[in-house]
Amino acid sequence: MTSAARLNARLDEALAKKLEYLRKKTQKSTTDVVRRSIELYYESVASGSEDPAQLLEQTGFIGCAEGSAKLSERYKSELGRSLANKS
């Protein structure tokens, strides 16, 4: 039989707020939220789904803005035009 490991972690304010949100939203203890988070992260890493493009796609970051379809080719001229309009 293996013994359980104890965890002591320091969280910045933003992460502490996220943890509190998850606790309230799920009605779970801190221990349960951390356990589930580790399980999900482990599954993600073990399955090899750490591809940055895939993560951006999954989170909705890719395609979340509007702009020219050729923006990646013309970004310098677009930026110059945008800055000139601010003057």
Foldseek 3Di string as FASTA:
>chain_A
DDDDDDDDDDDDPVVVVVLVVVCVVVVDDSVVVVVVVVVVVCVCVVVPVPPPVSVCVVVVVVPPDDDDPCCVVCVVVVVVVVVVVVD
